[in-house]
Amino acid sequence: MTPRLFTLLLLLCWASTTGATTLRIEAEQYDDMRGIQLENNGSTVGYFDTGDWLKYEGIDWEAGYHSVAFRVAKANYGGFVEIRLDAPDGLLLGILTPSKTADWTVFEMQSTALAPAEGQHDLFLVARNAAGACNLDYFELRTTPLTTPNWVLRWSDDFEGEAIDESVWTKTHHGNPHNGELQFYTPRPENIVVSDGSLKLIARRETYTGQGPGMDAPATRQYTSGKIESYGKWSVRYGKIEARMKLPRGKGTWPAFWLLGDNIFDSGIGWPRCGEIDIMEHGQDFDHLGGAIHTEAYNHLQGTQITGTYAIDDYDTDFHTYGLIWDQDQLQFYVDASPYLTITKDNTGNREAEWPFDQPFWLILNHAVGGAWGGTPDDAQYPHTVEIDWVRVYEDQPLTHTQAPPEESFPAPYPNPSSGRVHLDLPGSPSDCILYLYDKNGREWLATQAHAKRATYDWSDLPSGIYLLTVYHRGRFLQSHRLVLE
């Protein structure tokens, strides 16, 4: 037995005999690593950048660990840490998106849920998507589970039919853009189209003269594009907010999915005091996705805005889900199931100038041309199209022991465990059933309408792990089943 394994077993035995169920491991006691450096006289791990990893051998998972708490320090935003078994690309048990602390030497505890594992395995911590994902002092594997959100669909727009829902959205008609942008937003079908189950915002190279609401005089622009917004019609405070989108590739395009505070037009408020949340914007000059907040204290005019980025290659050929999980304490930005930026009230400050995010916000989808992030347009590539499959807003409705059981139920999926092909027998019309797959962190990996009352679904492209299969029937929670994909 190696000294390392012996030490781990002693710690585990101590935890068991004292009634605790925690295994603490010092970060610097790794068995192998790539890319990191030790700091603070060898007592902490630093320079933990994207692609770097730490290996801890011989962890016994039979204790039933449901969560892991890291003592981290972080002076920037962005990046996350994957918790994997046996290899840097092994089975994914969980993801920690470290929040910013006061400094690289100021440590605090931050936790994330784990999918269960069995047997003895090596543990890998892998840094992703940032230079400086975090510094590590130690981490604790715990049997205590973390609360998993129960996301219930509150509102959605699947852009069916042939026009936008004007009870929710307004088409923008305006030609005095900000940030050095070049477009004139018009409500014309040349720029805003709903067809084949999606919304298209189309940017064109054309000379256009117009005068929209709020413009003092007509303006002429050499580009037109589309923008819709929900101001005065629909807003949200807290929850999970997502859009499934396919973005254009080419210089000059700058699509965005974002929110502004409802009070922006109140006397003495305006921007940036109202607050802005950029769930997704893609600037071609940088060729990466970005999330950001703007407030009175943190905004780009002062160079103090808080941002994070996410590298992605196939944004123009495949749809991806760009989302935000927002509560009274933090904002977490993610692409598909991967969080890349977490901003907390504790770190920004809780004054209105720092955290105006406890009020309703309205939604915006737009396709800008040029400007600070779009770059100089390549006219040969126009027109460019942003395609939005859907927009969804969920709220967390925690389940309680007194909650009434569903009126209908469905048998457990089979086979279970499965190699990816899963058979389901569902109640009622399949057009009334929506299927969701969540991992143990509460992150949604899949949302789809049921194919048929009895059908086989191919989910072999999802990572191996344990999922919660949840079904809603006519918008009402029906039932959840544990599903293991091998």
Protein backbone atom coordinates (compact mmCIF):
# COMPACT_ATOMS: atom_id res chain seq x y z
CA MET A 1 0.00 0.00 0.00
CA THR A 2 1.35 3.42 -0.96
CA PRO A 3 1.80 6.11 1.72
CA ARG A 4 -0.68 8.22 -0.22
CA LEU A 5 -3.44 5.57 -0.15
CA PHE A 6 -2.69 4.77 3.51
CA THR A 7 -3.14 8.46 4.42
CA LEU A 8 -6.47 8.62 2.60
CA LEU A 9 -7.75 5.49 4.34
CA LEU A 10 -6.73 6.84 7.74
CA LEU A 11 -8.63 10.07 7.06
CA LEU A 12 -11.69 8.15 5.92
CA CYS A 13 -11.59 5.91 9.01
CA TRP A 14 -11.30 8.97 11.25
CA ALA A 15 -14.33 10.54 9.60
CA SER A 16 -16.38 7.37 10.04
CA THR A 17 -15.53 6.86 13.73
CA THR A 18 -16.32 10.45 14.61
CA GLY A 19 -19.72 10.33 12.91
CA ALA A 20 -18.55 12.62 10.09
CA THR A 21 -18.70 11.53 6.47
CA THR A 22 -16.03 13.75 4.97
CA LEU A 23 -12.73 12.90 3.28
CA ARG A 24 -10.38 15.89 3.23
CA ILE A 25 -7.49 15.98 0.76
CA GLU A 26 -4.85 18.68 0.61
CA ALA A 27 -4.57 19.97 -2.96
CA GLU A 28 -0.77 19.87 -2.95
CA GLN A 29 -0.75 16.13 -2.07
CA TYR A 30 -1.39 15.10 -5.67
CA ASP A 31 0.11 11.94 -7.16
CA ASP A 32 0.59 13.45 -10.60
CA MET A 33 -0.24 16.71 -12.33
CA ARG A 34 0.15 18.81 -15.45
CA GLY A 35 0.85 22.51 -15.56
CA ILE A 36 0.31 23.68 -11.99
CA GLN A 37 2.72 25.29 -9.52
CA LEU A 38 2.80 25.23 -5.74
CA GLU A 39 2.52 28.46 -3.77
CA ASN A 40 2.50 29.66 -0.16
CA ASN A 41 5.51 27.53 0.83
CA GLY A 42 4.10 24.53 -0.99
CA SER A 43 0.79 24.54 0.89
CA THR A 44 -1.54 25.52 -2.00
CA VAL A 45 -1.92 24.87 -5.71
CA GLY A 46 -1.68 27.82 -8.11
CA TYR A 47 -1.54 28.61 -11.84
CA PHE A 48 -4.32 26.10 -12.47
CA ASP A 49 -5.06 27.02 -16.11
CA THR A 50 -7.20 25.49 -18.84
CA GLY A 51 -6.07 21.95 -19.67
CA ASP A 52 -4.06 21.56 -16.45
CA TRP A 53 -4.96 18.67 -14.17
CA LEU A 54 -4.33 17.13 -10.76
CA LYS A 55 -4.45 13.38 -10.01
CA TYR A 56 -5.25 11.76 -6.64
CA GLU A 57 -4.89 7.98 -6.59
CA GLY A 58 -6.94 5.30 -4.92
CA ILE A 59 -10.09 7.07 -3.73
CA ASP A 60 -12.64 4.64 -2.26
CA TRP A 61 -16.10 5.77 -3.37
CA GLU A 62 -18.06 3.22 -1.38
CA ALA A 63 -18.74 5.83 1.33
CA GLY A 64 -21.29 7.37 -1.07
CA TYR A 65 -19.99 10.87 -1.74
CA HIS A 66 -22.70 13.23 -3.01
CA SER A 67 -20.84 16.53 -3.01
CA VAL A 68 -17.40 18.09 -2.91
CA ALA A 69 -16.36 21.33 -1.21
CA PHE A 70 -13.25 23.17 -2.42
CA ARG A 71 -11.33 25.82 -0.52
CA VAL A 72 -10.53 28.13 -3.41
CA ALA A 73 -9.09 31.56 -4.10
CA LYS A 74 -9.78 33.46 -7.30
CA ALA A 75 -9.22 37.07 -8.36
CA ASN A 76 -10.79 36.88 -11.83
CA TYR A 77 -13.96 35.64 -13.49
CA GLY A 78 -14.47 32.66 -15.76
CA GLY A 79 -13.33 29.06 -15.93
CA PHE A 80 -14.44 25.89 -14.19
CA VAL A 81 -13.06 22.67 -12.71
CA GLU A 82 -14.19 19.24 -13.89
CA ILE A 83 -14.25 16.35 -11.38
CA ARG A 84 -13.49 13.13 -13.31
CA LEU A 85 -12.59 9.51 -12.65
CA ASP A 86 -9.46 7.65 -13.81
CA ALA A 87 -8.34 10.06 -16.57
CA PRO A 88 -8.50 13.75 -17.53
CA ASP A 89 -11.26 12.78 -19.98
CA GLY A 90 -12.79 10.07 -17.77
CA LEU A 91 -16.29 9.80 -16.34
CA LEU A 92 -17.54 13.27 -15.34
CA LEU A 93 -18.93 13.37 -11.79
CA GLY A 94 -19.43 17.10 -11.41
CA ILE A 95 -18.35 20.63 -12.31
CA LEU A 96 -17.33 23.46 -9.99
CA THR A 97 -17.56 26.98 -11.39
CA PRO A 98 -15.45 28.93 -8.89
CA SER A 99 -16.74 32.31 -7.82
CA LYS A 100 -14.40 35.24 -7.50
CA THR A 101 -12.93 35.81 -4.03
CA ALA A 102 -11.20 38.95 -2.80
CA ASP A 103 -7.77 37.92 -4.10
CA TRP A 104 -5.65 34.97 -5.25
CA THR A 105 -4.60 34.46 -1.62
CA VAL A 106 -8.06 34.86 -0.05
CA PHE A 107 -9.64 31.39 0.21
CA GLU A 108 -13.25 30.41 0.81
CA MET A 109 -15.30 27.21 0.63
CA GLN A 110 -17.33 26.57 -2.52
CA SER A 111 -19.29 23.39 -3.21
CA THR A 112 -20.83 21.41 -6.03
CA ALA A 113 -22.86 18.21 -6.30
CA LEU A 114 -21.40 14.89 -7.44
CA ALA A 115 -22.89 12.00 -9.32
CA PRO A 116 -22.38 8.82 -7.28
CA ALA A 117 -19.56 6.38 -8.04
CA GLU A 118 -18.66 2.91 -6.85
CA GLY A 119 -15.40 1.09 -6.18
CA GLN A 120 -11.88 2.49 -6.05
CA HIS A 121 -10.83 5.09 -8.62
CA ASP A 122 -8.29 7.81 -9.25
CA LEU A 123 -9.71 11.30 -8.99
CA PHE A 124 -8.80 13.97 -11.56
CA LEU A 125 -9.42 17.70 -11.23
CA VAL A 126 -9.21 19.36 -14.65
CA ALA A 127 -9.17 23.14 -15.25
CA ARG A 128 -11.16 24.41 -18.21
CA ASN A 129 -11.78 27.59 -20.15
CA ALA A 130 -9.63 30.13 -18.32
CA ALA A 131 -6.12 31.21 -17.43
CA GLY A 132 -6.44 30.91 -13.69
CA ALA A 133 -9.50 28.75 -13.06
CA CYS A 134 -8.71 29.06 -9.34
CA ASN A 135 -6.09 28.41 -6.65
CA LEU A 136 -6.72 25.40 -4.39
CA ASP A 137 -5.95 24.86 -0.72
CA TYR A 138 -7.82 21.60 -0.09
CA PHE A 139 -11.07 19.84 -0.96
CA GLU A 140 -13.51 17.63 0.94
CA LEU A 141 -15.55 14.76 -0.46
CA ARG A 142 -18.82 14.68 1.45
CA THR A 143 -21.75 12.30 1.74
CA THR A 144 -24.06 15.26 2.33
CA PRO A 145 -26.13 15.89 -0.81
CA LEU A 146 -26.68 19.40 -2.13
CA THR A 147 -30.13 20.65 -2.95
CA THR A 148 -30.94 20.13 -6.63
CA PRO A 149 -33.16 22.77 -8.25
CA ASN A 150 -36.54 21.59 -9.48
CA TRP A 151 -36.77 23.63 -12.67
CA VAL A 152 -40.36 24.02 -13.84
CA LEU A 153 -41.06 25.62 -17.20
CA ARG A 154 -42.74 28.98 -16.59
CA TRP A 155 -42.83 30.38 -20.13
CA SER A 156 -41.50 29.53 -23.56
CA ASP A 157 -41.62 30.69 -27.15
CA ASP A 158 -40.91 28.01 -29.76
CA PHE A 159 -41.47 30.45 -32.66
CA GLU A 160 -44.11 28.32 -34.34
CA GLY A 161 -46.33 29.81 -37.00
CA GLU A 162 -45.43 32.65 -39.32
CA ALA A 163 -45.01 35.68 -37.03
CA ILE A 164 -43.64 36.65 -33.64
CA ASP A 165 -46.00 36.69 -30.67
CA GLU A 166 -46.69 40.41 -30.36
CA SER A 167 -48.17 39.96 -26.89
CA VAL A 168 -44.58 39.20 -25.81
CA TRP A 169 -42.25 40.77 -28.39
CA THR A 170 -41.91 44.12 -30.13
CA LYS A 171 -39.96 44.49 -33.38
CA THR A 172 -37.40 47.28 -33.09
CA HIS A 173 -37.39 50.11 -35.68
CA HIS A 174 -34.41 52.31 -34.92
CA GLY A 175 -31.36 53.62 -36.75
CA ASN A 176 -29.21 55.35 -34.12
CA PRO A 177 -27.22 52.37 -32.80
CA HIS A 178 -24.73 52.30 -29.92
CA ASN A 179 -21.18 50.97 -29.57
CA GLY A 180 -20.14 52.06 -33.07
CA GLU A 181 -22.62 49.66 -34.70
CA LEU A 182 -23.61 50.17 -38.32
CA GLN A 183 -27.11 48.73 -38.71
CA PHE A 184 -30.61 50.16 -38.96
CA TYR A 185 -32.98 47.81 -37.15
CA THR A 186 -36.20 47.40 -39.13
CA PRO A 187 -39.45 45.45 -38.53
CA ARG A 188 -39.52 44.33 -42.19
CA PRO A 189 -39.74 40.66 -43.23
CA GLU A 190 -36.38 41.20 -44.89
CA ASN A 191 -34.87 41.38 -41.38
CA ILE A 192 -37.25 39.47 -39.08
CA VAL A 193 -38.74 36.15 -40.16
CA VAL A 194 -40.55 33.34 -38.33
CA SER A 195 -40.63 30.14 -40.37
CA ASP A 196 -40.07 26.39 -40.03
CA GLY A 197 -40.19 26.59 -36.25
CA SER A 198 -37.53 29.24 -35.66
CA LEU A 199 -36.94 32.98 -35.56
CA LYS A 200 -34.45 34.44 -38.05
CA LEU A 201 -32.77 37.82 -37.50
CA ILE A 202 -31.18 38.68 -40.85
CA ALA A 203 -28.46 41.29 -41.36
CA ARG A 204 -28.20 42.70 -44.90
CA ARG A 205 -25.84 44.97 -46.80
CA GLU A 206 -28.19 47.58 -48.23
CA THR A 207 -28.79 51.34 -48.10
CA TYR A 208 -31.78 52.13 -45.90
CA THR A 209 -33.25 55.46 -44.79
CA GLY A 210 -35.86 55.61 -42.06
CA GLN A 211 -37.08 57.29 -38.89
CA GLY A 212 -38.21 55.03 -36.09
CA PRO A 213 -39.81 55.90 -32.75
CA GLY A 214 -37.59 58.08 -30.58
CA MET A 215 -35.47 59.27 -33.52
CA ASP A 216 -35.22 63.06 -33.94
CA ALA A 217 -34.65 62.85 -37.68
CA PRO A 218 -34.35 60.30 -40.48
CA ALA A 219 -31.08 58.39 -40.73
CA THR A 220 -29.40 56.49 -43.54
CA ARG A 221 -27.42 53.33 -42.89
CA GLN A 222 -25.61 50.89 -45.16
CA TYR A 223 -26.75 47.80 -43.24
CA THR A 224 -30.11 46.60 -41.90
CA SER A 225 -30.85 43.92 -39.34
CA GLY A 226 -33.41 42.56 -36.86
CA LYS A 227 -34.04 42.96 -33.15
CA ILE A 228 -36.95 41.98 -30.90
CA GLU A 229 -37.51 42.90 -27.26
CA SER A 230 -40.10 42.24 -24.55
CA TYR A 231 -40.05 45.65 -22.80
CA GLY A 232 -43.46 46.55 -21.32
CA LYS A 233 -44.90 43.14 -22.22
CA TRP A 234 -42.96 40.39 -20.45
CA SER A 235 -40.21 40.34 -17.85
CA VAL A 236 -38.57 37.93 -15.42
CA ARG A 237 -36.89 38.03 -12.03
CA TYR A 238 -34.74 35.01 -11.09
CA GLY A 239 -34.84 31.55 -12.64
CA LYS A 240 -33.19 29.74 -15.50
CA ILE A 241 -33.30 31.60 -18.81
CA GLU A 242 -32.20 29.96 -22.06
CA ALA A 243 -32.20 30.36 -25.82
CA ARG A 244 -31.24 27.70 -28.34
CA MET A 245 -29.46 29.49 -31.18
CA LYS A 246 -27.32 29.03 -34.27
CA LEU A 247 -25.01 31.97 -34.97
CA PRO A 248 -23.43 33.32 -38.15
CA ARG A 249 -19.73 33.22 -38.92
CA GLY A 250 -18.02 36.18 -40.56
CA LYS A 251 -16.57 39.58 -39.82
CA GLY A 252 -19.02 42.23 -38.75
CA THR A 253 -21.65 40.04 -37.06
CA TRP A 254 -22.47 40.62 -33.40
CA PRO A 255 -25.50 38.63 -32.21
CA ALA A 256 -26.67 38.87 -28.61
CA PHE A 257 -29.19 37.50 -26.11
CA TRP A 258 -29.50 39.86 -23.15
CA LEU A 259 -31.64 41.57 -20.52
CA LEU A 260 -32.18 45.09 -19.19
CA GLY A 261 -33.76 46.23 -15.91
CA ASP A 262 -37.44 47.15 -16.05
CA ASN A 263 -36.71 50.53 -14.44
CA ILE A 264 -34.41 51.79 -17.20
CA PHE A 265 -36.82 54.57 -18.24
CA ASP A 266 -37.69 55.66 -14.69
CA SER A 267 -36.64 59.16 -13.72
CA GLY A 268 -33.01 59.27 -12.63
CA ILE A 269 -32.27 55.66 -13.55
CA GLY A 270 -31.27 54.99 -17.17
CA TRP A 271 -28.34 52.82 -18.21
CA PRO A 272 -26.19 51.45 -16.59
CA ARG A 273 -27.93 52.04 -13.27
CA CYS A 274 -30.83 49.82 -14.37
CA GLY A 275 -28.48 46.87 -14.83
CA GLU A 276 -27.69 44.76 -17.89
CA ILE A 277 -27.16 41.00 -18.14
CA ASP A 278 -25.57 39.73 -21.36
CA ILE A 279 -26.34 36.01 -21.43
CA MET A 280 -24.61 35.60 -24.79
CA GLU A 281 -22.89 37.89 -27.24
CA HIS A 282 -20.56 36.75 -29.98
CA GLY A 283 -18.05 39.19 -31.36
CA GLN A 284 -16.34 38.09 -34.56
CA ASP A 285 -13.26 40.22 -33.95
CA PHE A 286 -12.58 37.97 -30.96
CA ASP A 287 -14.30 34.81 -32.24
CA HIS A 288 -15.53 33.75 -28.84
CA LEU A 289 -18.74 33.86 -26.86
CA GLY A 290 -19.06 36.21 -23.94
CA GLY A 291 -21.26 36.73 -20.90
CA ALA A 292 -21.20 39.94 -18.88
CA ILE A 293 -22.94 42.29 -16.47
CA HIS A 294 -23.10 46.08 -16.58
CA THR A 295 -24.09 48.17 -13.57
CA GLU A 296 -23.44 51.68 -12.30
CA ALA A 297 -20.27 50.40 -10.62
CA TYR A 298 -19.25 47.88 -13.28
CA ASN A 299 -19.61 48.95 -16.91
CA HIS A 300 -17.58 49.20 -20.10
CA LEU A 301 -17.52 53.02 -20.08
CA GLN A 302 -15.35 52.85 -16.96
CA GLY A 303 -13.57 49.66 -18.03
CA THR A 304 -14.93 47.88 -14.96
CA GLN A 305 -17.49 45.56 -16.56
CA ILE A 306 -17.40 41.93 -15.40
CA THR A 307 -17.08 39.42 -18.23
CA GLY A 308 -16.33 35.80 -18.99
CA THR A 309 -15.73 33.98 -22.26
CA TYR A 310 -16.34 30.52 -23.67
CA ALA A 311 -14.55 29.06 -26.70
CA ILE A 312 -16.76 27.19 -29.15
CA ASP A 313 -16.09 26.06 -32.72
CA ASP A 314 -19.36 24.91 -34.29
CA TYR A 315 -21.60 27.83 -33.32
CA ASP A 316 -22.47 28.40 -36.99
CA THR A 317 -23.27 24.81 -37.97
CA ASP A 318 -25.09 23.53 -34.85
CA PHE A 319 -27.58 24.92 -32.39
CA HIS A 320 -26.36 25.46 -28.83
CA THR A 321 -28.18 26.44 -25.65
CA TYR A 322 -27.00 29.71 -24.10
CA GLY A 323 -28.28 30.22 -20.59
CA LEU A 324 -28.29 31.94 -17.22
CA ILE A 325 -29.18 30.66 -13.74
CA TRP A 326 -30.12 33.70 -11.67
CA ASP A 327 -31.11 33.98 -8.02
CA GLN A 328 -30.88 36.56 -5.27
CA ASP A 329 -27.24 35.69 -4.57
CA GLN A 330 -25.56 34.94 -7.90
CA LEU A 331 -25.61 34.82 -11.70
CA GLN A 332 -24.20 31.76 -13.45
CA PHE A 333 -23.66 31.75 -17.22
CA TYR A 334 -23.35 28.56 -19.26
CA VAL A 335 -23.26 27.07 -22.76
CA ASP A 336 -25.20 23.83 -23.14
CA ALA A 337 -24.46 22.16 -19.78
CA SER A 338 -21.10 23.87 -19.15
CA PRO A 339 -20.97 26.90 -16.82
CA TYR A 340 -18.15 29.34 -17.54
CA LEU A 341 -18.85 32.44 -15.43
CA THR A 342 -20.29 32.88 -11.92
CA ILE A 343 -20.84 36.32 -10.40
CA THR A 344 -21.95 36.59 -6.77
CA LYS A 345 -23.46 39.40 -4.76
CA ASP A 346 -20.86 38.75 -2.04
CA ASN A 347 -18.07 39.62 -4.47
CA THR A 348 -19.62 42.54 -6.34
CA GLY A 349 -21.21 44.20 -3.33
CA ASN A 350 -24.93 44.47 -2.59
CA ARG A 351 -25.56 48.19 -3.14
CA GLU A 352 -27.87 49.11 -6.01
CA ALA A 353 -24.90 50.48 -7.95
CA GLU A 354 -23.23 47.08 -7.73
CA TRP A 355 -26.14 44.62 -7.74
CA PRO A 356 -29.34 45.92 -9.40
CA PHE A 357 -30.40 42.31 -10.10
CA ASP A 358 -33.22 41.93 -7.58
CA GLN A 359 -35.84 43.44 -9.89
CA PRO A 360 -37.57 42.23 -13.07
CA PHE A 361 -35.64 42.39 -16.37
CA TRP A 362 -36.90 42.25 -19.96
CA LEU A 363 -35.46 40.15 -22.80
CA ILE A 364 -33.71 41.20 -26.00
CA LEU A 365 -32.55 39.23 -29.06
CA ASN A 366 -30.62 41.16 -31.69
CA HIS A 367 -28.15 40.88 -34.54
CA ALA A 368 -25.84 43.90 -34.64
CA VAL A 369 -23.44 44.76 -37.47
CA GLY A 370 -19.91 46.07 -36.87
CA GLY A 371 -19.20 48.00 -33.73
CA ALA A 372 -16.86 47.37 -30.82
CA TRP A 373 -17.19 43.58 -30.95
CA GLY A 374 -18.48 42.94 -34.45
CA GLY A 375 -15.49 44.33 -36.31
CA THR A 376 -15.33 45.59 -39.89
CA PRO A 377 -17.95 43.73 -41.97
CA ASP A 378 -16.93 41.48 -44.84
CA ASP A 379 -19.60 42.59 -47.32
CA ALA A 380 -19.05 39.54 -49.54
CA GLN A 381 -20.54 37.30 -46.81
CA TYR A 382 -23.83 39.16 -46.33
CA PRO A 383 -26.67 38.48 -45.67
CA HIS A 384 -25.99 36.86 -42.29
CA THR A 385 -28.64 35.11 -40.18
CA VAL A 386 -29.05 34.46 -36.46
CA GLU A 387 -31.48 31.57 -35.98
CA ILE A 388 -33.32 31.09 -32.67
CA ASP A 389 -35.06 27.76 -32.13
CA TRP A 390 -36.67 28.70 -28.82
CA VAL A 391 -36.47 30.83 -25.68
CA ARG A 392 -37.43 29.32 -22.30
CA VAL A 393 -37.73 30.56 -18.74
CA TYR A 394 -37.88 28.17 -15.77
CA GLU A 395 -38.48 28.78 -12.08
CA ASP A 396 -37.22 26.71 -9.19
CA GLN A 397 -40.15 25.07 -7.40
CA PRO A 398 -38.63 22.88 -4.67
CA LEU A 399 -40.45 19.62 -4.09
CA THR A 400 -41.72 18.98 -0.58
CA HIS A 401 -42.69 15.82 1.26
CA THR A 402 -46.27 17.07 1.40
CA GLN A 403 -46.54 17.63 -2.35
CA ALA A 404 -49.44 15.69 -3.83
CA PRO A 405 -48.45 12.77 -6.05
CA PRO A 406 -49.03 13.16 -9.78
CA GLU A 407 -52.41 12.09 -11.12
CA GLU A 408 -50.72 10.00 -13.80
CA SER A 409 -47.45 8.10 -13.87
CA PHE A 410 -45.35 6.18 -16.35
CA PRO A 411 -43.16 3.08 -16.02
CA ALA A 412 -39.44 3.42 -15.44
CA PRO A 413 -37.32 3.73 -18.58
CA TYR A 414 -35.62 0.56 -19.75
CA PRO A 415 -33.07 -0.84 -20.13
CA ASN A 416 -31.61 0.92 -17.12
CA PRO A 417 -28.59 1.15 -17.04
CA SER A 418 -28.52 1.78 -20.78
CA SER A 419 -25.85 2.17 -23.44
CA GLY A 420 -27.82 5.15 -24.74
CA ARG A 421 -30.94 3.70 -26.37
CA VAL A 422 -33.80 4.12 -23.90
CA HIS A 423 -37.40 2.91 -24.26
CA LEU A 424 -40.25 4.89 -22.71
CA ASP A 425 -43.97 4.24 -22.32
CA LEU A 426 -45.70 7.56 -21.76
CA PRO A 427 -49.27 8.51 -20.83
CA GLY A 428 -51.50 10.58 -23.05
CA SER A 429 -50.69 12.21 -26.34
CA PRO A 430 -46.94 12.51 -27.03
CA SER A 431 -47.50 16.06 -28.25
CA ASP A 432 -48.43 16.91 -24.66
CA CYS A 433 -45.26 15.43 -23.09
CA ILE A 434 -41.89 17.19 -22.76
CA LEU A 435 -38.86 15.16 -21.64
CA TYR A 436 -35.95 16.63 -19.70
CA LEU A 437 -32.64 15.06 -18.64
CA TYR A 438 -30.81 16.68 -15.70
CA ASP A 439 -27.48 15.66 -14.23
CA LYS A 440 -26.81 15.59 -10.48
CA ASN A 441 -25.80 19.27 -10.56
CA GLY A 442 -29.29 20.16 -11.77
CA ARG A 443 -27.98 21.14 -15.21
CA GLU A 444 -30.22 20.38 -18.13
CA TRP A 445 -28.67 18.24 -20.85
CA LEU A 446 -31.72 17.64 -22.98
CA ALA A 447 -35.25 18.95 -23.51
CA THR A 448 -37.39 17.42 -26.21
CA GLN A 449 -40.97 16.71 -27.09
CA ALA A 450 -41.93 13.04 -26.86
CA HIS A 451 -41.81 11.14 -30.16
CA ALA A 452 -44.70 8.78 -29.50
CA LYS A 453 -46.65 7.13 -26.70
CA ARG A 454 -44.20 4.23 -26.91
CA ALA A 455 -40.82 5.09 -28.37
CA THR A 456 -37.08 4.43 -28.20
CA TYR A 457 -34.78 7.43 -27.76
CA ASP A 458 -31.11 7.47 -28.74
CA TRP A 459 -29.13 9.41 -26.11
CA SER A 460 -25.81 7.70 -26.78
CA ASP A 461 -24.15 11.06 -27.52
CA LEU A 462 -24.56 12.16 -23.89
CA PRO A 463 -21.70 11.65 -21.41
CA SER A 464 -21.86 8.56 -19.25
CA GLY A 465 -23.35 9.20 -15.84
CA ILE A 466 -26.48 9.35 -13.73
CA TYR A 467 -29.37 11.52 -14.87
CA LEU A 468 -32.81 12.48 -13.68
CA LEU A 469 -35.38 11.89 -16.44
CA THR A 470 -38.30 14.24 -15.80
CA VAL A 471 -41.54 14.41 -17.77
CA TYR A 472 -44.05 17.25 -17.91
CA HIS A 473 -47.52 16.52 -19.25
CA ARG A 474 -49.46 19.56 -20.52
CA GLY A 475 -47.11 21.82 -18.57
CA ARG A 476 -47.58 19.92 -15.30
CA PHE A 477 -44.87 17.94 -13.54
CA LEU A 478 -45.64 14.28 -14.04
CA GLN A 479 -42.82 12.12 -12.69
CA SER A 480 -39.05 11.66 -12.51
CA HIS A 481 -36.95 8.52 -12.84
CA ARG A 482 -33.26 7.91 -12.21
CA LEU A 483 -31.51 6.90 -15.44
CA VAL A 484 -27.98 5.55 -15.78
CA LEU A 485 -26.20 5.96 -19.12
CA GLU A 486 -23.11 3.80 -19.50
